[in-house]
Amino acid sequence: KFGFIDPDPSIDVQKRSHIGVVLYG
C-alpha cells in the first residue's frame, strides 16, 4: 500500500530491495 514494491517478482521477494527509500507524507 505504501508502494514499496517491484514489478519483478524475483526482486520483490528480496527484503533488501525495499529498504533504500524513506517516504514522507
mmCIF file of all heavy atoms, coordinates in Angstrom:
data_MODEL
# 
_entry.id   MODEL 
# 
loop_
_atom_site.group_PDB 
_atom_site.id 
_atom_site.type_symbol 
_atom_site.label_atom_id 
_atom_site.label_alt_id 
_atom_site.label_comp_id 
_atom_site.label_asym_id 
_atom_site.label_entity_id 
_atom_site.label_seq_id 
_atom_site.pdbx_PDB_ins_code 
_atom_site.Cartn_x 
_atom_site.Cartn_y 
_atom_site.Cartn_z 
_atom_site.occupancy 
_atom_site.B_iso_or_equiv 
_atom_site.pdbx_formal_charge 
_atom_site.auth_seq_id 
_atom_site.auth_comp_id 
_atom_site.auth_asym_id 
_atom_site.auth_atom_id 
_atom_site.pdbx_PDB_model_num 
ATOM 1   N N   . LYS A 1 1  ? 0.824  -1.205  0.000   1.00 0.00 ? 1  LYS A N   1 
ATOM 2   C CA  . LYS A 1 1  ? 0.000  0.000   0.000   1.00 0.00 ? 1  LYS A CA  1 
ATOM 3   C C   . LYS A 1 1  ? 0.860  1.257   0.000   1.00 0.00 ? 1  LYS A C   1 
ATOM 4   O O   . LYS A 1 1  ? 0.475  2.285   -0.570  1.00 0.00 ? 1  LYS A O   1 
ATOM 5   C CB  . LYS A 1 1  ? -0.939 -0.005  1.207   1.00 0.00 ? 1  LYS A CB  1 
ATOM 6   C CG  . LYS A 1 1  ? -2.136 -0.929  1.057   1.00 0.00 ? 1  LYS A CG  1 
ATOM 7   C CD  . LYS A 1 1  ? -3.067 -0.449  -0.058  1.00 0.00 ? 1  LYS A CD  1 
ATOM 8   C CE  . LYS A 1 1  ? -4.326 -1.281  -0.140  1.00 0.00 ? 1  LYS A CE  1 
ATOM 9   N NZ  . LYS A 1 1  ? -5.259 -0.741  -1.175  1.00 0.00 ? 1  LYS A NZ  1 
ATOM 10  N N   . PHE A 1 2  ? 2.029  1.184   0.628   1.00 0.00 ? 2  PHE A N   1 
ATOM 11  C CA  . PHE A 1 2  ? 2.917  2.330   0.636   1.00 0.00 ? 2  PHE A CA  1 
ATOM 12  C C   . PHE A 1 2  ? 3.797  2.390   -0.614  1.00 0.00 ? 2  PHE A C   1 
ATOM 13  O O   . PHE A 1 2  ? 4.615  3.296   -0.744  1.00 0.00 ? 2  PHE A O   1 
ATOM 14  C CB  . PHE A 1 2  ? 3.788  2.330   1.890   1.00 0.00 ? 2  PHE A CB  1 
ATOM 15  C CG  . PHE A 1 2  ? 3.099  2.886   3.100   1.00 0.00 ? 2  PHE A CG  1 
ATOM 16  C CD1 . PHE A 1 2  ? 2.941  2.113   4.240   1.00 0.00 ? 2  PHE A CD1 1 
ATOM 17  C CD2 . PHE A 1 2  ? 2.611  4.183   3.100   1.00 0.00 ? 2  PHE A CD2 1 
ATOM 18  C CE1 . PHE A 1 2  ? 2.301  2.622   5.362   1.00 0.00 ? 2  PHE A CE1 1 
ATOM 19  C CE2 . PHE A 1 2  ? 1.970  4.709   4.211   1.00 0.00 ? 2  PHE A CE2 1 
ATOM 20  C CZ  . PHE A 1 2  ? 1.810  3.921   5.350   1.00 0.00 ? 2  PHE A CZ  1 
ATOM 21  N N   . GLY A 1 3  ? 3.635  1.445   -1.516  1.00 0.00 ? 3  GLY A N   1 
ATOM 22  C CA  . GLY A 1 3  ? 4.352  1.493   -2.778  1.00 0.00 ? 3  GLY A CA  1 
ATOM 23  C C   . GLY A 1 3  ? 5.741  0.912   -2.760  1.00 0.00 ? 3  GLY A C   1 
ATOM 24  O O   . GLY A 1 3  ? 6.496  1.083   -3.719  1.00 0.00 ? 3  GLY A O   1 
ATOM 25  N N   . PHE A 1 4  ? 6.117  0.206   -1.689  1.00 0.00 ? 4  PHE A N   1 
ATOM 26  C CA  . PHE A 1 4  ? 7.436  -0.420  -1.626  1.00 0.00 ? 4  PHE A CA  1 
ATOM 27  C C   . PHE A 1 4  ? 7.359  -1.775  -2.322  1.00 0.00 ? 4  PHE A C   1 
ATOM 28  O O   . PHE A 1 4  ? 7.406  -2.833  -1.688  1.00 0.00 ? 4  PHE A O   1 
ATOM 29  C CB  . PHE A 1 4  ? 7.889  -0.573  -0.176  1.00 0.00 ? 4  PHE A CB  1 
ATOM 30  C CG  . PHE A 1 4  ? 8.313  0.719   0.462   1.00 0.00 ? 4  PHE A CG  1 
ATOM 31  C CD1 . PHE A 1 4  ? 7.382  1.662   0.863   1.00 0.00 ? 4  PHE A CD1 1 
ATOM 32  C CD2 . PHE A 1 4  ? 9.660  1.016   0.643   1.00 0.00 ? 4  PHE A CD2 1 
ATOM 33  C CE1 . PHE A 1 4  ? 7.762  2.861   1.447   1.00 0.00 ? 4  PHE A CE1 1 
ATOM 34  C CE2 . PHE A 1 4  ? 10.060 2.224   1.227   1.00 0.00 ? 4  PHE A CE2 1 
ATOM 35  C CZ  . PHE A 1 4  ? 9.107  3.143   1.623   1.00 0.00 ? 4  PHE A CZ  1 
ATOM 36  N N   . ILE A 1 5  ? 7.242  -1.720  -3.634  1.00 0.00 ? 5  ILE A N   1 
ATOM 37  C CA  . ILE A 1 5  ? 7.069  -2.931  -4.429  1.00 0.00 ? 5  ILE A CA  1 
ATOM 38  C C   . ILE A 1 5  ? 7.974  -2.866  -5.645  1.00 0.00 ? 5  ILE A C   1 
ATOM 39  O O   . ILE A 1 5  ? 8.480  -1.797  -6.006  1.00 0.00 ? 5  ILE A O   1 
ATOM 40  C CB  . ILE A 1 5  ? 5.602  -3.114  -4.889  1.00 0.00 ? 5  ILE A CB  1 
ATOM 41  C CG1 . ILE A 1 5  ? 5.145  -1.896  -5.707  1.00 0.00 ? 5  ILE A CG1 1 
ATOM 42  C CG2 . ILE A 1 5  ? 4.686  -3.326  -3.698  1.00 0.00 ? 5  ILE A CG2 1 
ATOM 43  C CD1 . ILE A 1 5  ? 3.753  -2.020  -6.271  1.00 0.00 ? 5  ILE A CD1 1 
ATOM 44  N N   . ASP A 1 6  ? 8.178  -4.006  -6.261  1.00 0.00 ? 6  ASP A N   1 
ATOM 45  C CA  . ASP A 1 6  ? 8.903  -4.068  -7.513  1.00 0.00 ? 6  ASP A CA  1 
ATOM 46  C C   . ASP A 1 6  ? 8.089  -4.926  -8.470  1.00 0.00 ? 6  ASP A C   1 
ATOM 47  O O   . ASP A 1 6  ? 7.595  -5.993  -8.079  1.00 0.00 ? 6  ASP A O   1 
ATOM 48  C CB  . ASP A 1 6  ? 10.290 -4.680  -7.306  1.00 0.00 ? 6  ASP A CB  1 
ATOM 49  C CG  . ASP A 1 6  ? 11.191 -4.447  -8.507  1.00 0.00 ? 6  ASP A CG  1 
ATOM 50  O OD1 . ASP A 1 6  ? 10.952 -5.079  -9.567  1.00 0.00 ? 6  ASP A OD1 1 
ATOM 51  O OD2 . ASP A 1 6  ? 12.120 -3.624  -8.409  1.00 0.00 ? 6  ASP A OD2 1 
ATOM 52  N N   . PRO A 1 7  ? 7.904  -4.485  -9.707  1.00 0.00 ? 7  PRO A N   1 
ATOM 53  C CA  . PRO A 1 7  ? 7.102  -5.262  -10.653 1.00 0.00 ? 7  PRO A CA  1 
ATOM 54  C C   . PRO A 1 7  ? 7.710  -6.605  -11.018 1.00 0.00 ? 7  PRO A C   1 
ATOM 55  O O   . PRO A 1 7  ? 7.015  -7.484  -11.535 1.00 0.00 ? 7  PRO A O   1 
ATOM 56  C CB  . PRO A 1 7  ? 6.998  -4.340  -11.870 1.00 0.00 ? 7  PRO A CB  1 
ATOM 57  C CG  . PRO A 1 7  ? 8.174  -3.425  -11.760 1.00 0.00 ? 7  PRO A CG  1 
ATOM 58  C CD  . PRO A 1 7  ? 8.386  -3.222  -10.289 1.00 0.00 ? 7  PRO A CD  1 
ATOM 59  N N   . ASP A 1 8  ? 8.993  -6.778  -10.737 1.00 0.00 ? 8  ASP A N   1 
ATOM 60  C CA  . ASP A 1 8  ? 9.663  -8.052  -10.997 1.00 0.00 ? 8  ASP A CA  1 
ATOM 61  C C   . ASP A 1 8  ? 9.526  -8.921  -9.743  1.00 0.00 ? 8  ASP A C   1 
ATOM 62  O O   . ASP A 1 8  ? 10.142 -8.619  -8.716  1.00 0.00 ? 8  ASP A O   1 
ATOM 63  C CB  . ASP A 1 8  ? 11.138 -7.806  -11.317 1.00 0.00 ? 8  ASP A CB  1 
ATOM 64  C CG  . ASP A 1 8  ? 11.878 -9.081  -11.694 1.00 0.00 ? 8  ASP A CG  1 
ATOM 65  O OD1 . ASP A 1 8  ? 11.403 -10.183 -11.338 1.00 0.00 ? 8  ASP A OD1 1 
ATOM 66  O OD2 . ASP A 1 8  ? 12.937 -8.967  -12.340 1.00 0.00 ? 8  ASP A OD2 1 
ATOM 67  N N   . PRO A 1 9  ? 8.744  -9.991  -9.783  1.00 0.00 ? 9  PRO A N   1 
ATOM 68  C CA  . PRO A 1 9  ? 8.527  -10.812 -8.582  1.00 0.00 ? 9  PRO A CA  1 
ATOM 69  C C   . PRO A 1 9  ? 9.810  -11.355 -7.972  1.00 0.00 ? 9  PRO A C   1 
ATOM 70  O O   . PRO A 1 9  ? 9.900  -11.507 -6.748  1.00 0.00 ? 9  PRO A O   1 
ATOM 71  C CB  . PRO A 1 9  ? 7.630  -11.951 -9.089  1.00 0.00 ? 9  PRO A CB  1 
ATOM 72  C CG  . PRO A 1 9  ? 6.951  -11.387 -10.298 1.00 0.00 ? 9  PRO A CG  1 
ATOM 73  C CD  . PRO A 1 9  ? 7.974  -10.484 -10.935 1.00 0.00 ? 9  PRO A CD  1 
ATOM 74  N N   . SER A 1 10 ? 10.804 -11.635 -8.803  1.00 0.00 ? 10 SER A N   1 
ATOM 75  C CA  . SER A 1 10 ? 12.055 -12.197 -8.279  1.00 0.00 ? 10 SER A CA  1 
ATOM 76  C C   . SER A 1 10 ? 12.810 -11.167 -7.441  1.00 0.00 ? 10 SER A C   1 
ATOM 77  O O   . SER A 1 10 ? 13.581 -11.531 -6.549  1.00 0.00 ? 10 SER A O   1 
ATOM 78  C CB  . SER A 1 10 ? 12.941 -12.693 -9.424  1.00 0.00 ? 10 SER A CB  1 
ATOM 79  O OG  . SER A 1 10 ? 13.373 -11.613 -10.241 1.00 0.00 ? 10 SER A OG  1 
ATOM 80  N N   . ILE A 1 11 ? 12.603 -9.879  -7.719  1.00 0.00 ? 11 ILE A N   1 
ATOM 81  C CA  . ILE A 1 11 ? 13.218 -8.815  -6.925  1.00 0.00 ? 11 ILE A CA  1 
ATOM 82  C C   . ILE A 1 11 ? 12.326 -8.443  -5.753  1.00 0.00 ? 11 ILE A C   1 
ATOM 83  O O   . ILE A 1 11 ? 12.799 -8.181  -4.648  1.00 0.00 ? 11 ILE A O   1 
ATOM 84  C CB  . ILE A 1 11 ? 13.500 -7.575  -7.798  1.00 0.00 ? 11 ILE A CB  1 
ATOM 85  C CG1 . ILE A 1 11 ? 14.529 -7.922  -8.867  1.00 0.00 ? 11 ILE A CG1 1 
ATOM 86  C CG2 . ILE A 1 11 ? 13.985 -6.398  -6.951  1.00 0.00 ? 11 ILE A CG2 1 
ATOM 87  C CD1 . ILE A 1 11 ? 14.827 -6.792  -9.831  1.00 0.00 ? 11 ILE A CD1 1 
ATOM 88  N N   . ASP A 1 12 ? 11.010 -8.460  -5.977  1.00 0.00 ? 12 ASP A N   1 
ATOM 89  C CA  . ASP A 1 12 ? 10.078 -8.041  -4.940  1.00 0.00 ? 12 ASP A CA  1 
ATOM 90  C C   . ASP A 1 12 ? 10.170 -8.907  -3.687  1.00 0.00 ? 12 ASP A C   1 
ATOM 91  O O   . ASP A 1 12 ? 9.933  -8.431  -2.584  1.00 0.00 ? 12 ASP A O   1 
ATOM 92  C CB  . ASP A 1 12 ? 8.649  -8.069  -5.488  1.00 0.00 ? 12 ASP A CB  1 
ATOM 93  C CG  . ASP A 1 12 ? 7.660  -7.394  -4.560  1.00 0.00 ? 12 ASP A CG  1 
ATOM 94  O OD1 . ASP A 1 12 ? 7.804  -6.194  -4.311  1.00 0.00 ? 12 ASP A OD1 1 
ATOM 95  O OD2 . ASP A 1 12 ? 6.740  -8.090  -4.065  1.00 0.00 ? 12 ASP A OD2 1 
ATOM 96  N N   . VAL A 1 13 ? 10.517 -10.181 -3.841  1.00 0.00 ? 13 VAL A N   1 
ATOM 97  C CA  . VAL A 1 13 ? 10.588 -11.066 -2.676  1.00 0.00 ? 13 VAL A CA  1 
ATOM 98  C C   . VAL A 1 13 ? 11.845 -10.830 -1.851  1.00 0.00 ? 13 VAL A C   1 
ATOM 99  O O   . VAL A 1 13 ? 11.946 -11.315 -0.726  1.00 0.00 ? 13 VAL A O   1 
ATOM 100 C CB  . VAL A 1 13 ? 10.532 -12.554 -3.096  1.00 0.00 ? 13 VAL A CB  1 
ATOM 101 C CG1 . VAL A 1 13 ? 9.221  -12.867 -3.786  1.00 0.00 ? 13 VAL A CG1 1 
ATOM 102 C CG2 . VAL A 1 13 ? 11.711 -12.927 -3.990  1.00 0.00 ? 13 VAL A CG2 1 
ATOM 103 N N   . GLN A 1 14 ? 12.786 -10.080 -2.382  1.00 0.00 ? 14 GLN A N   1 
ATOM 104 C CA  . GLN A 1 14 ? 14.031 -9.817  -1.662  1.00 0.00 ? 14 GLN A CA  1 
ATOM 105 C C   . GLN A 1 14 ? 13.832 -8.659  -0.695  1.00 0.00 ? 14 GLN A C   1 
ATOM 106 O O   . GLN A 1 14 ? 13.501 -7.546  -1.092  1.00 0.00 ? 14 GLN A O   1 
ATOM 107 C CB  . GLN A 1 14 ? 15.152 -9.493  -2.649  1.00 0.00 ? 14 GLN A CB  1 
ATOM 108 C CG  . GLN A 1 14 ? 15.450 -10.607 -3.632  1.00 0.00 ? 14 GLN A CG  1 
ATOM 109 C CD  . GLN A 1 14 ? 16.494 -10.210 -4.663  1.00 0.00 ? 14 GLN A CD  1 
ATOM 110 O OE1 . GLN A 1 14 ? 17.290 -9.290  -4.417  1.00 0.00 ? 14 GLN A OE1 1 
ATOM 111 N NE2 . GLN A 1 14 ? 16.502 -10.879 -5.792  1.00 0.00 ? 14 GLN A NE2 1 
ATOM 112 N N   . LYS A 1 15 ? 14.019 -8.919  0.577   1.00 0.00 ? 15 LYS A N   1 
ATOM 113 C CA  . LYS A 1 15 ? 13.792 -7.899  1.600   1.00 0.00 ? 15 LYS A CA  1 
ATOM 114 C C   . LYS A 1 15 ? 14.651 -6.659  1.363   1.00 0.00 ? 15 LYS A C   1 
ATOM 115 O O   . LYS A 1 15 ? 14.203 -5.535  1.566   1.00 0.00 ? 15 LYS A O   1 
ATOM 116 C CB  . LYS A 1 15 ? 14.092 -8.472  2.984   1.00 0.00 ? 15 LYS A CB  1 
ATOM 117 C CG  . LYS A 1 15 ? 13.260 -9.707  3.363   1.00 0.00 ? 15 LYS A CG  1 
ATOM 118 C CD  . LYS A 1 15 ? 11.806 -9.349  3.533   1.00 0.00 ? 15 LYS A CD  1 
ATOM 119 C CE  . LYS A 1 15 ? 11.005 -10.516 4.088   1.00 0.00 ? 15 LYS A CE  1 
ATOM 120 N NZ  . LYS A 1 15 ? 10.931 -11.654 3.154   1.00 0.00 ? 15 LYS A NZ  1 
ATOM 121 N N   . ARG A 1 16 ? 15.881 -6.858  0.928   1.00 0.00 ? 16 ARG A N   1 
ATOM 122 C CA  . ARG A 1 16 ? 16.792 -5.720  0.791   1.00 0.00 ? 16 ARG A CA  1 
ATOM 123 C C   . ARG A 1 16 ? 16.363 -4.764  -0.313  1.00 0.00 ? 16 ARG A C   1 
ATOM 124 O O   . ARG A 1 16 ? 16.852 -3.625  -0.372  1.00 0.00 ? 16 ARG A O   1 
ATOM 125 C CB  . ARG A 1 16 ? 18.216 -6.209  0.529   1.00 0.00 ? 16 ARG A CB  1 
ATOM 126 C CG  . ARG A 1 16 ? 18.414 -6.938  -0.795  1.00 0.00 ? 16 ARG A CG  1 
ATOM 127 C CD  . ARG A 1 16 ? 19.861 -7.376  -0.956  1.00 0.00 ? 16 ARG A CD  1 
ATOM 128 N NE  . ARG A 1 16 ? 20.111 -8.070  -2.215  1.00 0.00 ? 16 ARG A NE  1 
ATOM 129 C CZ  . ARG A 1 16 ? 19.938 -9.365  -2.385  1.00 0.00 ? 16 ARG A CZ  1 
ATOM 130 N NH1 . ARG A 1 16 ? 19.539 -10.113 -1.366  1.00 0.00 ? 16 ARG A NH1 1 
ATOM 131 N NH2 . ARG A 1 16 ? 20.183 -9.930  -3.559  1.00 0.00 ? 16 ARG A NH2 1 
ATOM 132 N N   . SER A 1 17 ? 15.456 -5.194  -1.194  1.00 0.00 ? 17 SER A N   1 
ATOM 133 C CA  . SER A 1 17 ? 15.024 -4.309  -2.276  1.00 0.00 ? 17 SER A CA  1 
ATOM 134 C C   . SER A 1 17 ? 14.043 -3.246  -1.806  1.00 0.00 ? 17 SER A C   1 
ATOM 135 O O   . SER A 1 17 ? 13.662 -2.368  -2.586  1.00 0.00 ? 17 SER A O   1 
ATOM 136 C CB  . SER A 1 17 ? 14.393 -5.128  -3.416  1.00 0.00 ? 17 SER A CB  1 
ATOM 137 O OG  . SER A 1 17 ? 13.142 -5.682  -3.021  1.00 0.00 ? 17 SER A OG  1 
ATOM 138 N N   . HIS A 1 18 ? 13.624 -3.299  -0.531  1.00 0.00 ? 18 HIS A N   1 
ATOM 139 C CA  . HIS A 1 18 ? 12.605 -2.355  -0.039  1.00 0.00 ? 18 HIS A CA  1 
ATOM 140 C C   . HIS A 1 18 ? 13.118 -1.438  1.068   1.00 0.00 ? 18 HIS A C   1 
ATOM 141 O O   . HIS A 1 18 ? 12.325 -0.755  1.715   1.00 0.00 ? 18 HIS A O   1 
ATOM 142 C CB  . HIS A 1 18 ? 11.394 -3.131  0.471   1.00 0.00 ? 18 HIS A CB  1 
ATOM 143 C CG  . HIS A 1 18 ? 10.833 -4.094  -0.526  1.00 0.00 ? 18 HIS A CG  1 
ATOM 144 N ND1 . HIS A 1 18 ? 10.390 -3.703  -1.761  1.00 0.00 ? 18 HIS A ND1 1 
ATOM 145 C CD2 . HIS A 1 18 ? 10.660 -5.449  -0.471  1.00 0.00 ? 18 HIS A CD2 1 
ATOM 146 C CE1 . HIS A 1 18 ? 9.961  -4.759  -2.436  1.00 0.00 ? 18 HIS A CE1 1 
ATOM 147 N NE2 . HIS A 1 18 ? 10.123 -5.828  -1.685  1.00 0.00 ? 18 HIS A NE2 1 
ATOM 148 N N   . ILE A 1 19 ? 14.420 -1.413  1.282   1.00 0.00 ? 19 ILE A N   1 
ATOM 149 C CA  . ILE A 1 19 ? 14.945 -0.660  2.426   1.00 0.00 ? 19 ILE A CA  1 
ATOM 150 C C   . ILE A 1 19 ? 15.730 0.580   2.029   1.00 0.00 ? 19 ILE A C   1 
ATOM 151 O O   . ILE A 1 19 ? 16.301 1.233   2.882   1.00 0.00 ? 19 ILE A O   1 
ATOM 152 C CB  . ILE A 1 19 ? 15.816 -1.556  3.325   1.00 0.00 ? 19 ILE A CB  1 
ATOM 153 C CG1 . ILE A 1 19 ? 16.994 -2.139  2.544   1.00 0.00 ? 19 ILE A CG1 1 
ATOM 154 C CG2 . ILE A 1 19 ? 14.982 -2.673  3.942   1.00 0.00 ? 19 ILE A CG2 1 
ATOM 155 C CD1 . ILE A 1 19 ? 17.942 -2.978  3.388   1.00 0.00 ? 19 ILE A CD1 1 
ATOM 156 N N   . GLY A 1 20 ? 15.726 0.934   0.761   1.00 0.00 ? 20 GLY A N   1 
ATOM 157 C CA  . GLY A 1 20 ? 16.568 2.031   0.308   1.00 0.00 ? 20 GLY A CA  1 
ATOM 158 C C   . GLY A 1 20 ? 15.879 3.371   0.177   1.00 0.00 ? 20 GLY A C   1 
ATOM 159 O O   . GLY A 1 20 ? 16.484 4.331   -0.297  1.00 0.00 ? 20 GLY A O   1 
ATOM 160 N N   . VAL A 1 21 ? 14.607 3.452   0.603   1.00 0.00 ? 21 VAL A N   1 
ATOM 161 C CA  . VAL A 1 21 ? 13.834 4.677   0.400   1.00 0.00 ? 21 VAL A CA  1 
ATOM 162 C C   . VAL A 1 21 ? 13.172 5.107   1.702   1.00 0.00 ? 21 VAL A C   1 
ATOM 163 O O   . VAL A 1 21 ? 12.686 4.270   2.467   1.00 0.00 ? 21 VAL A O   1 
ATOM 164 C CB  . VAL A 1 21 ? 12.752 4.458   -0.682  1.00 0.00 ? 21 VAL A CB  1 
ATOM 165 C CG1 . VAL A 1 21 ? 11.802 5.650   -0.759  1.00 0.00 ? 21 VAL A CG1 1 
ATOM 166 C CG2 . VAL A 1 21 ? 13.389 4.218   -2.043  1.00 0.00 ? 21 VAL A CG2 1 
ATOM 167 N N   . VAL A 1 22 ? 13.167 6.396   1.955   1.00 0.00 ? 22 VAL A N   1 
ATOM 168 C CA  . VAL A 1 22 ? 12.382 6.987   3.036   1.00 0.00 ? 22 VAL A CA  1 
ATOM 169 C C   . VAL A 1 22 ? 11.214 7.725   2.396   1.00 0.00 ? 22 VAL A C   1 
ATOM 170 O O   . VAL A 1 22 ? 11.400 8.545   1.494   1.00 0.00 ? 22 VAL A O   1 
ATOM 171 C CB  . VAL A 1 22 ? 13.219 7.946   3.894   1.00 0.00 ? 22 VAL A CB  1 
ATOM 172 C CG1 . VAL A 1 22 ? 12.326 8.732   4.854   1.00 0.00 ? 22 VAL A CG1 1 
ATOM 173 C CG2 . VAL A 1 22 ? 14.272 7.180   4.680   1.00 0.00 ? 22 VAL A CG2 1 
ATOM 174 N N   . LEU A 1 23 ? 10.023 7.402   2.840   1.00 0.00 ? 23 LEU A N   1 
ATOM 175 C CA  . LEU A 1 23 ? 8.802  8.015   2.327   1.00 0.00 ? 23 LEU A CA  1 
ATOM 176 C C   . LEU A 1 23 ? 8.292  9.020   3.346   1.00 0.00 ? 23 LEU A C   1 
ATOM 177 O O   . LEU A 1 23 ? 8.310  8.760   4.548   1.00 0.00 ? 23 LEU A O   1 
ATOM 178 C CB  . LEU A 1 23 ? 7.749  6.927   2.109   1.00 0.00 ? 23 LEU A CB  1 
ATOM 179 C CG  . LEU A 1 23 ? 6.355  7.337   1.625   1.00 0.00 ? 23 LEU A CG  1 
ATOM 180 C CD1 . LEU A 1 23 ? 6.416  7.854   0.194   1.00 0.00 ? 23 LEU A CD1 1 
ATOM 181 C CD2 . LEU A 1 23 ? 5.406  6.132   1.704   1.00 0.00 ? 23 LEU A CD2 1 
ATOM 182 N N   . TYR A 1 24 ? 7.878  10.180  2.895   1.00 0.00 ? 24 TYR A N   1 
ATOM 183 C CA  . TYR A 1 24 ? 7.287  11.139  3.820   1.00 0.00 ? 24 TYR A CA  1 
ATOM 184 C C   . TYR A 1 24 ? 6.028  11.716  3.203   1.00 0.00 ? 24 TYR A C   1 
ATOM 185 O O   . TYR A 1 24 ? 5.925  11.896  1.989   1.00 0.00 ? 24 TYR A O   1 
ATOM 186 C CB  . TYR A 1 24 ? 8.273  12.240  4.219   1.00 0.00 ? 24 TYR A CB  1 
ATOM 187 C CG  . TYR A 1 24 ? 9.050  12.899  3.098   1.00 0.00 ? 24 TYR A CG  1 
ATOM 188 C CD1 . TYR A 1 24 ? 8.626  14.111  2.542   1.00 0.00 ? 24 TYR A CD1 1 
ATOM 189 C CD2 . TYR A 1 24 ? 10.225 12.320  2.628   1.00 0.00 ? 24 TYR A CD2 1 
ATOM 190 C CE1 . TYR A 1 24 ? 9.353  14.711  1.541   1.00 0.00 ? 24 TYR A CE1 1 
ATOM 191 C CE2 . TYR A 1 24 ? 10.943 12.930  1.621   1.00 0.00 ? 24 TYR A CE2 1 
ATOM 192 C CZ  . TYR A 1 24 ? 10.513 14.125  1.071   1.00 0.00 ? 24 TYR A CZ  1 
ATOM 193 O OH  . TYR A 1 24 ? 11.236 14.722  0.071   1.00 0.00 ? 24 TYR A OH  1 
ATOM 194 N N   . GLY A 1 25 ? 5.039  11.958  4.047   1.00 0.00 ? 25 GLY A N   1 
ATOM 195 C CA  . GLY A 1 25 ? 3.761  12.376  3.512   1.00 0.00 ? 25 GLY A CA  1 
ATOM 196 C C   . GLY A 1 25 ? 2.973  13.276  4.439   1.00 0.00 ? 25 GLY A C   1 
ATOM 197 O O   . GLY A 1 25 ? 3.131  13.237  5.659   1.00 0.00 ? 25 GLY A O   1 
# 
